[in-house]
């Protein structure tokens, strides 16, 4: 009886590993499908995490400027989005002329 309790988890683990190995293609296709479904959420979470860092710094600055508590976060959010849009526009201004010149030379 004691041996059964001792080796049951090991036998179950070996069986599970064997099942995964024998059906690897199904597990891989399932993982790919799961990633395709959740990729938008993952990208959104990463963008929110990255934009939260400058937003907190702007909020701290607004605290020092004594801006009303209810307005700090919306102002910081708008400033971060405007900064992001400005960065994208600057990158486009730098990249598009070079890209157009390269395409015209083809």
PDB file of N, CA and C in Angstrom:
ATOM      1  N   UNK A   1       0.825  -1.193   0.000  1.00  0.00           N
ATOM      2  CA  UNK A   1       0.000   0.000   0.000  1.00  0.00           C
ATOM      3  C   UNK A   1       0.868   1.256   0.000  1.00  0.00           C
ATOM      4  N   UNK A   2       1.934   1.246   0.784  1.00  0.00           N
ATOM      5  CA  UNK A   2       2.820   2.391   0.868  1.00  0.00           C
ATOM      6  C   UNK A   2       3.537   2.623  -0.462  1.00  0.00           C
ATOM      7  N   UNK A   3       3.875   1.542  -1.171  1.00  0.00           N
ATOM      8  CA  UNK A   3       4.532   1.668  -2.472  1.00  0.00           C
ATOM      9  C   UNK A   3       3.608   2.309  -3.507  1.00  0.00           C
ATOM     10  N   UNK A   4       2.320   2.000  -3.419  1.00  0.00           N
ATOM     11  CA  UNK A   4       1.356   2.574  -4.359  1.00  0.00           C
ATOM     12  C   UNK A   4       1.306   4.094  -4.187  1.00  0.00           C
ATOM     13  N   UNK A   5       1.240   4.555  -2.945  1.00  0.00           N
ATOM     14  CA  UNK A   5       1.216   5.992  -2.680  1.00  0.00           C
ATOM     15  C   UNK A   5       2.520   6.656  -3.116  1.00  0.00           C
ATOM     16  N   UNK A   6       3.609   5.936  -2.978  1.00  0.00           N
ATOM     17  CA  UNK A   6       4.914   6.496  -3.286  1.00  0.00           C
ATOM     18  C   UNK A   6       5.106   6.671  -4.796  1.00  0.00           C
ATOM     19  N   UNK A   7       4.683   5.681  -5.586  1.00  0.00           N
ATOM     20  CA  UNK A   7       4.970   5.688  -7.016  1.00  0.00           C
ATOM     21  C   UNK A   7       3.824   6.192  -7.890  1.00  0.00           C
ATOM     22  N   UNK A   8       2.664   6.439  -7.332  1.00  0.00           N
ATOM     23  CA  UNK A   8       1.531   6.915  -8.130  1.00  0.00           C
ATOM     24  C   UNK A   8       1.829   8.253  -8.819  1.00  0.00           C
ATOM     25  N   UNK A   9       2.364   9.269  -8.133  1.00  0.00           N
ATOM     26  CA  UNK A   9       2.664  10.528  -8.831  1.00  0.00           C
ATOM     27  C   UNK A   9       3.691  10.344  -9.953  1.00  0.00           C
ATOM     28  N   UNK A  10       4.690   9.494  -9.730  1.00  0.00           N
ATOM     29  CA  UNK A  10       5.704   9.253 -10.744  1.00  0.00           C
ATOM     30  C   UNK A  10       5.100   8.587 -11.976  1.00  0.00           C
ATOM     31  N   UNK A  11       4.251   7.599 -11.768  1.00  0.00           N
ATOM     32  CA  UNK A  11       3.603   6.900 -12.880  1.00  0.00           C
ATOM     33  C   UNK A  11       2.688   7.857 -13.644  1.00  0.00           C
ATOM     34  N   UNK A  12       1.949   8.692 -12.933  1.00  0.00           N
ATOM     35  CA  UNK A  12       1.083   9.669 -13.595  1.00  0.00           C
ATOM     36  C   UNK A  12       1.897  10.679 -14.407  1.00  0.00           C
ATOM     37  N   UNK A  13       3.015  11.121 -13.861  1.00  0.00           N
ATOM     38  CA  UNK A  13       3.877  12.065 -14.566  1.00  0.00           C
ATOM     39  C   UNK A  13       4.449  11.442 -15.837  1.00  0.00           C
ATOM     40  N   UNK A  14       4.926  10.208 -15.735  1.00  0.00           N
ATOM     41  CA  UNK A  14       5.470   9.513 -16.904  1.00  0.00           C
ATOM     42  C   UNK A  14       4.382   9.321 -17.957  1.00  0.00           C
ATOM     43  N   UNK A  15       3.182   8.979 -17.527  1.00  0.00           N
ATOM     44  CA  UNK A  15       2.070   8.825 -18.463  1.00  0.00           C
ATOM     45  C   UNK A  15       1.728  10.136 -19.148  1.00  0.00           C
ATOM     46  N   UNK A  16       1.737  11.220 -18.404  1.00  0.00           N
ATOM     47  CA  UNK A  16       1.443  12.538 -18.970  1.00  0.00           C
ATOM     48  C   UNK A  16       2.513  12.954 -19.975  1.00  0.00           C
ATOM     49  N   UNK A  17       3.777  12.744 -19.633  1.00  0.00           N
ATOM     50  CA  UNK A  17       4.871  13.077 -20.549  1.00  0.00           C
ATOM     51  C   UNK A  17       4.770  12.243 -21.818  1.00  0.00           C
ATOM     52  N   UNK A  18       4.452  10.965 -21.680  1.00  0.00           N
ATOM     53  CA  UNK A  18       4.283  10.092 -22.846  1.00  0.00           C
ATOM     54  C   UNK A  18       3.136  10.582 -23.721  1.00  0.00           C
ATOM     55  N   UNK A  19       2.046  10.970 -23.110  1.00  0.00           N
ATOM     56  CA  UNK A  19       0.897  11.487 -23.855  1.00  0.00           C
ATOM     57  C   UNK A  19       1.261  12.756 -24.622  1.00  0.00           C
ATOM     58  N   UNK A  20       2.009  13.636 -23.985  1.00  0.00           N
ATOM     59  CA  UNK A  20       2.427  14.877 -24.639  1.00  0.00           C
ATOM     60  C   UNK A  20       3.364  14.574 -25.808  1.00  0.00           C
ATOM     61  N   UNK A  21       4.299  13.652 -25.614  1.00  0.00           N
ATOM     62  CA  UNK A  21       5.245  13.319 -26.681  1.00  0.00           C
ATOM     63  C   UNK A  21       4.528  12.682 -27.865  1.00  0.00           C
ATOM     64  N   UNK A  22       3.610  11.780 -27.602  1.00  0.00           N
ATOM     65  CA  UNK A  22       2.907  11.098 -28.686  1.00  0.00           C
ATOM     66  C   UNK A  22       1.967  12.036 -29.446  1.00  0.00           C
ATOM     67  N   UNK A  23       1.471  13.052 -28.785  1.00  0.00           N
ATOM     68  CA  UNK A  23       0.543  13.998 -29.417  1.00  0.00           C
ATOM     69  C   UNK A  23       1.151  15.395 -29.506  1.00  0.00           C
ATOM     70  N   UNK A  24       2.446  15.473 -29.763  1.00  0.00           N
ATOM     71  CA  UNK A  24       3.151  16.761 -29.768  1.00  0.00           C
ATOM     72  C   UNK A  24       2.576  17.719 -30.802  1.00  0.00           C
ATOM     73  N   UNK A  25       2.233  17.224 -31.974  1.00  0.00           N
ATOM     74  CA  UNK A  25       1.727  18.123 -33.016  1.00  0.00           C
ATOM     75  C   UNK A  25       0.402  18.760 -32.601  1.00  0.00           C
ATOM     76  N   UNK A  26      -0.438  17.995 -31.932  1.00  0.00           N
ATOM     77  CA  UNK A  26      -1.708  18.550 -31.461  1.00  0.00           C
ATOM     78  C   UNK A  26      -1.482  19.619 -30.400  1.00  0.00           C
ATOM     79  N   UNK A  27      -0.544  19.365 -29.491  1.00  0.00           N
ATOM     80  CA  UNK A  27      -0.255  20.343 -28.448  1.00  0.00           C
ATOM     81  C   UNK A  27       0.359  21.608 -29.043  1.00  0.00           C
ATOM     82  N   UNK A  28       1.229  21.442 -30.034  1.00  0.00           N
ATOM     83  CA  UNK A  28       1.857  22.609 -30.657  1.00  0.00           C
ATOM     84  C   UNK A  28       0.822  23.432 -31.414  1.00  0.00           C
ATOM     85  N   UNK A  29      -0.052  22.767 -32.166  1.00  0.00           N
ATOM     86  CA  UNK A  29      -1.083  23.515 -32.898  1.00  0.00           C
ATOM     87  C   UNK A  29      -2.051  24.190 -31.928  1.00  0.00           C
ATOM     88  N   UNK A  30      -2.326  23.552 -30.808  1.00  0.00           N
ATOM     89  CA  UNK A  30      -3.172  24.178 -29.791  1.00  0.00           C
ATOM     90  C   UNK A  30      -2.510  25.393 -29.175  1.00  0.00           C
ATOM     91  N   UNK A  31      -1.199  25.298 -28.933  1.00  0.00           N
ATOM     92  CA  UNK A  31      -0.472  26.438 -28.372  1.00  0.00           C
ATOM     93  C   UNK A  31      -0.433  27.598 -29.361  1.00  0.00           C
ATOM     94  N   UNK A  32      -0.251  27.288 -30.643  1.00  0.00           N
ATOM     95  CA  UNK A  32      -0.242  28.332 -31.671  1.00  0.00           C
ATOM     96  C   UNK A  32      -1.611  28.997 -31.759  1.00  0.00           C
ATOM     97  N   UNK A  33      -2.665  28.201 -31.724  1.00  0.00           N
ATOM     98  CA  UNK A  33      -4.023  28.757 -31.768  1.00  0.00           C
ATOM     99  C   UNK A  33      -4.294  29.634 -30.554  1.00  0.00           C
ATOM    100  N   UNK A  34      -3.854  29.186 -29.391  1.00  0.00           N
ATOM    101  CA  UNK A  34      -4.037  29.970 -28.171  1.00  0.00           C
ATOM    102  C   UNK A  34      -3.288  31.297 -28.268  1.00  0.00           C
ATOM    103  N   UNK A  35      -2.069  31.262 -28.812  1.00  0.00           N
ATOM    104  CA  UNK A  35      -1.308  32.504 -28.962  1.00  0.00           C
ATOM    105  C   UNK A  35      -1.985  33.442 -29.948  1.00  0.00           C
ATOM    106  N   UNK A  36      -2.521  32.904 -31.048  1.00  0.00           N
ATOM    107  CA  UNK A  36      -3.204  33.746 -32.028  1.00  0.00           C
ATOM    108  C   UNK A  36      -4.415  34.442 -31.412  1.00  0.00           C
ATOM    109  N   UNK A  37      -5.108  33.736 -30.547  1.00  0.00           N
ATOM    110  CA  UNK A  37      -6.302  34.308 -29.919  1.00  0.00           C
ATOM    111  C   UNK A  37      -5.924  35.370 -28.891  1.00  0.00           C
ATOM    112  N   UNK A  38      -4.884  35.116 -28.123  1.00  0.00           N
ATOM    113  CA  UNK A  38      -4.535  36.020 -27.026  1.00  0.00           C
ATOM    114  C   UNK A  38      -3.462  37.040 -27.387  1.00  0.00           C
ATOM    115  N   UNK A  39      -2.937  37.015 -28.608  1.00  0.00           N
ATOM    116  CA  UNK A  39      -1.836  37.917 -28.946  1.00  0.00           C
ATOM    117  C   UNK A  39      -2.242  39.388 -28.838  1.00  0.00           C
ATOM    118  N   UNK A  40      -3.451  39.723 -29.221  1.00  0.00           N
ATOM    119  CA  UNK A  40      -3.905  41.109 -29.121  1.00  0.00           C
ATOM    120  C   UNK A  40      -3.927  41.567 -27.664  1.00  0.00           C
ATOM    121  N   UNK A  41      -4.395  40.699 -26.788  1.00  0.00           N
ATOM    122  CA  UNK A  41      -4.405  41.046 -25.364  1.00  0.00           C
ATOM    123  C   UNK A  41      -2.988  41.197 -24.823  1.00  0.00           C
ATOM    124  N   UNK A  42      -2.096  40.327 -25.260  1.00  0.00           N
ATOM    125  CA  UNK A  42      -0.709  40.398 -24.803  1.00  0.00           C
ATOM    126  C   UNK A  42      -0.064  41.692 -25.289  1.00  0.00           C
ATOM    127  N   UNK A  43      -0.261  42.036 -26.571  1.00  0.00           N
ATOM    128  CA  UNK A  43       0.301  43.275 -27.099  1.00  0.00           C
ATOM    129  C   UNK A  43      -0.266  44.487 -26.358  1.00  0.00           C
ATOM    130  N   UNK A  44      -1.548  44.478 -26.095  1.00  0.00           N
ATOM    131  CA  UNK A  44      -2.165  45.580 -25.360  1.00  0.00           C
ATOM    132  C   UNK A  44      -1.605  45.728 -23.959  1.00  0.00           C
ATOM    133  N   UNK A  45      -1.394  44.602 -23.286  1.00  0.00           N
ATOM    134  CA  UNK A  45      -0.830  44.645 -21.934  1.00  0.00           C
ATOM    135  C   UNK A  45       0.594  45.180 -21.952  1.00  0.00           C
ATOM    136  N   UNK A  46       1.376  44.787 -22.948  1.00  0.00           N
ATOM    137  CA  UNK A  46       2.755  45.273 -23.053  1.00  0.00           C
ATOM    138  C   UNK A  46       2.769  46.776 -23.325  1.00  0.00           C
ATOM    139  N   UNK A  47       1.925  47.230 -24.234  1.00  0.00           N
ATOM    140  CA  UNK A  47       1.858  48.666 -24.539  1.00  0.00           C
ATOM    141  C   UNK A  47       1.419  49.454 -23.307  1.00  0.00           C
ATOM    142  N   UNK A  48       0.421  48.952 -22.595  1.00  0.00           N
ATOM    143  CA  UNK A  48      -0.045  49.635 -21.381  1.00  0.00           C
ATOM    144  C   UNK A  48       1.056  49.684 -20.328  1.00  0.00           C
ATOM    145  N   UNK A  49       1.803  48.590 -20.195  1.00  0.00           N
ATOM    146  CA  UNK A  49       2.887  48.550 -19.216  1.00  0.00           C
ATOM    147  C   UNK A  49       3.980  49.557 -19.574  1.00  0.00           C
ATOM    148  N   UNK A  50       4.329  49.626 -20.860  1.00  0.00           N
ATOM    149  CA  UNK A  50       5.388  50.536 -21.296  1.00  0.00           C
ATOM    150  C   UNK A  50       4.946  51.991 -21.155  1.00  0.00           C
ATOM    151  N   UNK A  51       3.711  52.298 -21.514  1.00  0.00           N
ATOM    152  CA  UNK A  51       3.237  53.681 -21.435  1.00  0.00           C
ATOM    153  C   UNK A  51       2.959  54.120 -19.999  1.00  0.00           C
ATOM    154  N   UNK A  52       2.807  53.171 -19.095  1.00  0.00           N
ATOM    155  CA  UNK A  52       2.539  53.516 -17.701  1.00  0.00           C
ATOM    156  C   UNK A  52       3.753  54.169 -17.045  1.00  0.00           C
ATOM    157  N   UNK A  53       4.956  53.808 -17.483  1.00  0.00           N
ATOM    158  CA  UNK A  53       6.172  54.351 -16.865  1.00  0.00           C
ATOM    159  C   UNK A  53       6.268  55.868 -17.061  1.00  0.00           C
ATOM    160  N   UNK A  54       6.196  56.383 -18.296  1.00  0.00           N
ATOM    161  CA  UNK A  54       6.253  57.846 -18.418  1.00  0.00           C
ATOM    162  C   UNK A  54       5.022  58.535 -17.832  1.00  0.00           C
ATOM    163  N   UNK A  55       3.885  57.849 -17.846  1.00  0.00           N
ATOM    164  CA  UNK A  55       2.678  58.453 -17.293  1.00  0.00           C
ATOM    165  C   UNK A  55       2.838  58.688 -15.790  1.00  0.00           C
ATOM    166  N   UNK A  56       3.451  57.738 -15.087  1.00  0.00           N
ATOM    167  CA  UNK A  56       3.671  57.925 -13.642  1.00  0.00           C
ATOM    168  C   UNK A  56       4.611  59.100 -13.382  1.00  0.00           C
ATOM    169  N   UNK A  57       5.653  59.232 -14.214  1.00  0.00           N
ATOM    170  CA  UNK A  57       6.593  60.346 -14.040  1.00  0.00           C
ATOM    171  C   UNK A  57       5.894  61.688 -14.270  1.00  0.00           C
ATOM    172  N   UNK A  58       5.047  61.741 -15.278  1.00  0.00           N
ATOM    173  CA  UNK A  58       4.302  62.978 -15.541  1.00  0.00           C
ATOM    174  C   UNK A  58       3.348  63.264 -14.388  1.00  0.00           C
ATOM    175  N   UNK A  59       2.717  62.227 -13.852  1.00  0.00           N
ATOM    176  CA  UNK A  59       1.821  62.422 -12.701  1.00  0.00           C
ATOM    177  C   UNK A  59       2.583  62.973 -11.501  1.00  0.00           C
ATOM    178  N   UNK A  60       3.792  62.448 -11.255  1.00  0.00           N
ATOM    179  CA  UNK A  60       4.603  62.961 -10.149  1.00  0.00           C
ATOM    180  C   UNK A  60       4.933  64.437 -10.369  1.00  0.00           C
ATOM    181  N   UNK A  61       5.236  64.794 -11.606  1.00  0.00           N
ATOM    182  CA  UNK A  61       5.513  66.197 -11.929  1.00  0.00           C
ATOM    183  C   UNK A  61       4.276  67.059 -11.692  1.00  0.00           C
ATOM    184  N   UNK A  62       3.107  66.536 -12.066  1.00  0.00           N
ATOM    185  CA  UNK A  62       1.867  67.294 -11.875  1.00  0.00           C
ATOM    186  C   UNK A  62       1.517  67.447 -10.393  1.00  0.00           C
ATOM    187  N   UNK A  63       1.931  66.489  -9.568  1.00  0.00           N
ATOM    188  CA  UNK A  63       1.728  66.624  -8.118  1.00  0.00           C
ATOM    189  C   UNK A  63       2.543  67.809  -7.608  1.00  0.00           C
ATOM    190  N   UNK A  64       3.786  67.912  -8.099  1.00  0.00           N
ATOM    191  CA  UNK A  64       4.633  69.031  -7.683  1.00  0.00           C
ATOM    192  C   UNK A  64       4.080  70.367  -8.173  1.00  0.00           C
ATOM    193  N   UNK A  65       3.395  70.344  -9.316  1.00  0.00           N
ATOM    194  CA  UNK A  65       2.798  71.562  -9.862  1.00  0.00           C
ATOM    195  C   UNK A  65       1.457  71.878  -9.197  1.00  0.00           C
ATOM    196  N   UNK A  66       1.031  71.028  -8.288  1.00  0.00           N
ATOM    197  CA  UNK A  66      -0.208  71.193  -7.517  1.00  0.00           C
ATOM    198  C   UNK A  66      -1.455  71.225  -8.400  1.00  0.00           C
ATOM    199  N   UNK A  67      -1.496  70.301  -9.355  1.00  0.00           N
ATOM    200  CA  UNK A  67      -2.683  70.136 -10.199  1.00  0.00           C
ATOM    201  C   UNK A  67      -3.688  69.317  -9.410  1.00  0.00           C
ATOM    202  N   UNK A  68      -4.978  69.604  -9.605  1.00  0.00           N
ATOM    203  CA  UNK A  68      -6.033  68.892  -8.884  1.00  0.00           C
ATOM    204  C   UNK A  68      -5.894  67.382  -9.055  1.00  0.00           C
ATOM    205  N   UNK A  69      -6.208  66.643  -7.995  1.00  0.00           N
ATOM    206  CA  UNK A  69      -6.013  65.188  -7.987  1.00  0.00           C
ATOM    207  C   UNK A  69      -6.807  64.485  -9.082  1.00  0.00           C
ATOM    208  N   UNK A  70      -7.999  64.939  -9.372  1.00  0.00           N
ATOM    209  CA  UNK A  70      -8.827  64.278 -10.376  1.00  0.00           C
ATOM    210  C   UNK A  70      -8.379  64.535 -11.805  1.00  0.00           C
ATOM    211  N   UNK A  71      -7.518  65.527 -11.994  1.00  0.00           N
ATOM    212  CA  UNK A  71      -7.076  65.872 -13.343  1.00  0.00           C
ATOM    213  C   UNK A  71      -5.693  65.327 -13.686  1.00  0.00           C
ATOM    214  N   UNK A  72      -4.945  64.874 -12.688  1.00  0.00           N
ATOM    215  CA  UNK A  72      -3.564  64.450 -12.929  1.00  0.00           C
ATOM    216  C   UNK A  72      -3.461  63.301 -13.922  1.00  0.00           C
ATOM    217  N   UNK A  73      -4.200  62.238 -13.677  1.00  0.00           N
ATOM    218  CA  UNK A  73      -4.100  61.055 -14.533  1.00  0.00           C
ATOM    219  C   UNK A  73      -4.579  61.339 -15.958  1.00  0.00           C
ATOM    220  N   UNK A  74      -5.730  61.996 -16.157  1.00  0.00           N
ATOM    221  CA  UNK A  74      -6.138  62.286 -17.541  1.00  0.00           C
ATOM    222  C   UNK A  74      -5.144  63.182 -18.284  1.00  0.00           C
ATOM    223  N   UNK A  75      -4.603  64.177 -17.594  1.00  0.00           N
ATOM    224  CA  UNK A  75      -3.618  65.052 -18.238  1.00  0.00           C
ATOM    225  C   UNK A  75      -2.370  64.253 -18.595  1.00  0.00           C
ATOM    226  N   UNK A  76      -1.912  63.421 -17.676  1.00  0.00           N
ATOM    227  CA  UNK A  76      -0.728  62.598 -17.939  1.00  0.00           C
ATOM    228  C   UNK A  76      -0.978  61.643 -19.104  1.00  0.00           C
ATOM    229  N   UNK A  77      -2.170  61.061 -19.159  1.00  0.00           N
ATOM    230  CA  UNK A  77      -2.501  60.128 -20.233  1.00  0.00           C
ATOM    231  C   UNK A  77      -2.506  60.835 -21.589  1.00  0.00           C
ATOM    232  N   UNK A  78      -3.120  62.007 -21.639  1.00  0.00           N
ATOM    233  CA  UNK A  78      -3.166  62.765 -22.895  1.00  0.00           C
ATOM    234  C   UNK A  78      -1.753  63.154 -23.324  1.00  0.00           C
ATOM    235  N   UNK A  79      -0.926  63.593 -22.380  1.00  0.00           N
ATOM    236  CA  UNK A  79       0.445  63.979 -22.720  1.00  0.00           C
ATOM    237  C   UNK A  79       1.261  62.792 -23.227  1.00  0.00           C
ATOM    238  N   UNK A  80       1.067  61.627 -22.630  1.00  0.00           N
ATOM    239  CA  UNK A  80       1.791  60.436 -23.084  1.00  0.00           C
ATOM    240  C   UNK A  80       1.337  60.041 -24.481  1.00  0.00           C
ATOM    241  N   UNK A  81       0.034  60.074 -24.738  1.00  0.00           N
ATOM    242  CA  UNK A  81      -0.457  59.724 -26.074  1.00  0.00           C
ATOM    243  C   UNK A  81       0.013  60.737 -27.120  1.00  0.00           C
ATOM    244  N   UNK A  82      -0.012  62.024 -26.769  1.00  0.00           N
ATOM    245  CA  UNK A  82       0.486  63.034 -27.702  1.00  0.00           C
ATOM    246  C   UNK A  82       1.977  62.847 -27.974  1.00  0.00           C
ATOM    247  N   UNK A  83       2.734  62.505 -26.938  1.00  0.00           N
ATOM    248  CA  UNK A  83       4.163  62.237 -27.120  1.00  0.00           C
ATOM    249  C   UNK A  83       4.382  61.037 -28.025  1.00  0.00           C
ATOM    250  N   UNK A  84       3.589  60.001 -27.837  1.00  0.00           N
ATOM    251  CA  UNK A  84       3.700  58.807 -28.675  1.00  0.00           C
ATOM    252  C   UNK A  84       3.377  59.131 -30.131  1.00  0.00           C
ATOM    253  N   UNK A  85       2.325  59.911 -30.344  1.00  0.00           N
ATOM    254  CA  UNK A  85       1.955  60.307 -31.709  1.00  0.00           C
ATOM    255  C   UNK A  85       3.064  61.155 -32.330  1.00  0.00           C
ATOM    256  N   UNK A  86       3.649  62.052 -31.554  1.00  0.00           N
ATOM    257  CA  UNK A  86       4.743  62.885 -32.049  1.00  0.00           C
ATOM    258  C   UNK A  86       5.957  62.037 -32.424  1.00  0.00           C
ATOM    259  N   UNK A  87       6.276  61.042 -31.623  1.00  0.00           N
ATOM    260  CA  UNK A  87       7.401  60.149 -31.923  1.00  0.00           C
ATOM    261  C   UNK A  87       7.141  59.374 -33.207  1.00  0.00           C
ATOM    262  N   UNK A  88       5.929  58.872 -33.369  1.00  0.00           N
ATOM    263  CA  UNK A  88       5.587  58.127 -34.589  1.00  0.00           C
ATOM    264  C   UNK A  88       5.679  59.034 -35.813  1.00  0.00           C
ATOM    265  N   UNK A  89       5.190  60.261 -35.699  1.00  0.00           N
ATOM    266  CA  UNK A  89       5.257  61.202 -36.825  1.00  0.00           C
ATOM    267  C   UNK A  89       6.712  61.516 -37.170  1.00  0.00           C
ATOM    268  N   UNK A  90       7.541  61.731 -36.155  1.00  0.00           N
ATOM    269  CA  UNK A  90       8.964  62.002 -36.408  1.00  0.00           C
ATOM    270  C   UNK A  90       9.637  60.819 -37.099  1.00  0.00           C
ATOM    271  N   UNK A  91       9.335  59.618 -36.661  1.00  0.00           N
ATOM    272  CA  UNK A  91       9.903  58.432 -37.309  1.00  0.00           C
ATOM    273  C   UNK A  91       9.441  58.315 -38.756  1.00  0.00           C
ATOM    274  N   UNK A  92       8.169  58.606 -39.001  1.00  0.00           N
ATOM    275  CA  UNK A  92       7.658  58.552 -40.372  1.00  0.00           C
ATOM    276  C   UNK A  92       8.325  59.606 -41.249  1.00  0.00           C
ATOM    277  N   UNK A  93       8.534  60.802 -40.706  1.00  0.00           N
ATOM    278  CA  UNK A  93       9.190  61.867 -41.466  1.00  0.00           C
ATOM    279  C   UNK A  93      10.628  61.467 -41.806  1.00  0.00           C
ATOM    280  N   UNK A  94      11.276  60.741 -40.917  1.00  0.00           N
ATOM    281  CA  UNK A  94      12.645  60.309 -41.173  1.00  0.00           C
ATOM    282  C   UNK A  94      12.711  59.120 -42.130  1.00  0.00           C
ATOM    283  N   UNK A  95      11.771  58.207 -42.032  1.00  0.00           N
ATOM    284  CA  UNK A  95      11.851  56.950 -42.776  1.00  0.00           C
ATOM    285  C   UNK A  95      11.215  57.046 -44.156  1.00  0.00           C
ATOM    286  N   UNK A  96      10.074  57.702 -44.284  1.00  0.00           N
ATOM    287  CA  UNK A  96       9.343  57.704 -45.554  1.00  0.00           C
ATOM    288  C   UNK A  96      10.126  58.285 -46.734  1.00  0.00           C
ATOM    289  N   UNK A  97      10.850  59.399 -46.598  1.00  0.00           N
ATOM    290  CA  UNK A  97      11.614  59.881 -47.757  1.00  0.00           C
ATOM    291  C   UNK A  97      12.677  58.879 -48.228  1.00  0.00           C
ATOM    292  N   UNK A  98      13.356  58.261 -47.293  1.00  0.00           N
ATOM    293  CA  UNK A  98      14.358  57.258 -47.654  1.00  0.00           C
ATOM    294  C   UNK A  98      13.707  56.055 -48.305  1.00  0.00           C
ATOM    295  N   UNK A  99      12.588  55.641 -47.782  1.00  0.00           N
ATOM    296  CA  UNK A  99      11.864  54.509 -48.359  1.00  0.00           C
ATOM    297  C   UNK A  99      11.372  54.830 -49.763  1.00  0.00           C
ATOM    298  N   UNK A 100      10.843  56.029 -49.968  1.00  0.00           N
ATOM    299  CA  UNK A 100      10.368  56.433 -51.294  1.00  0.00           C
ATOM    300  C   UNK A 100      11.524  56.506 -52.282  1.00  0.00           C
ATOM    301  N   UNK A 101      12.657  57.008 -51.840  1.00  0.00           N
ATOM    302  CA  UNK A 101      13.830  57.090 -52.711  1.00  0.00           C
ATOM    303  C   UNK A 101      14.325  55.697 -53.086  1.00  0.00           C
ATOM    304  N   UNK A 102      14.329  54.786 -52.146  1.00  0.00           N
ATOM    305  CA  UNK A 102      14.760  53.416 -52.414  1.00  0.00           C
ATOM    306  C   UNK A 102      13.818  52.731 -53.388  1.00  0.00           C
ATOM    307  N   UNK A 103      12.528  52.932 -53.216  1.00  0.00           N
ATOM    308  CA  UNK A 103      11.544  52.309 -54.112  1.00  0.00           C
ATOM    309  C   UNK A 103      11.664  52.891 -55.518  1.00  0.00           C
ATOM    310  N   UNK A 104      11.916  54.199 -55.620  1.00  0.00           N
ATOM    311  CA  UNK A 104      12.026  54.817 -56.951  1.00  0.00           C
ATOM    312  C   UNK A 104      13.284  54.361 -57.683  1.00  0.00           C
ATOM    313  N   UNK A 105      14.305  53.945 -56.966  1.00  0.00           N
ATOM    314  CA  UNK A 105      15.535  53.465 -57.591  1.00  0.00           C
ATOM    315  C   UNK A 105      15.416  52.034 -58.084  1.00  0.00           C
ATOM    316  N   UNK A 106      14.392  51.321 -57.681  1.00  0.00           N
ATOM    317  CA  UNK A 106      14.228  49.937 -58.122  1.00  0.00           C
ATOM    318  C   UNK A 106      13.813  49.849 -59.520  1.00  0.00           C
TER     319      UNK A 106
END
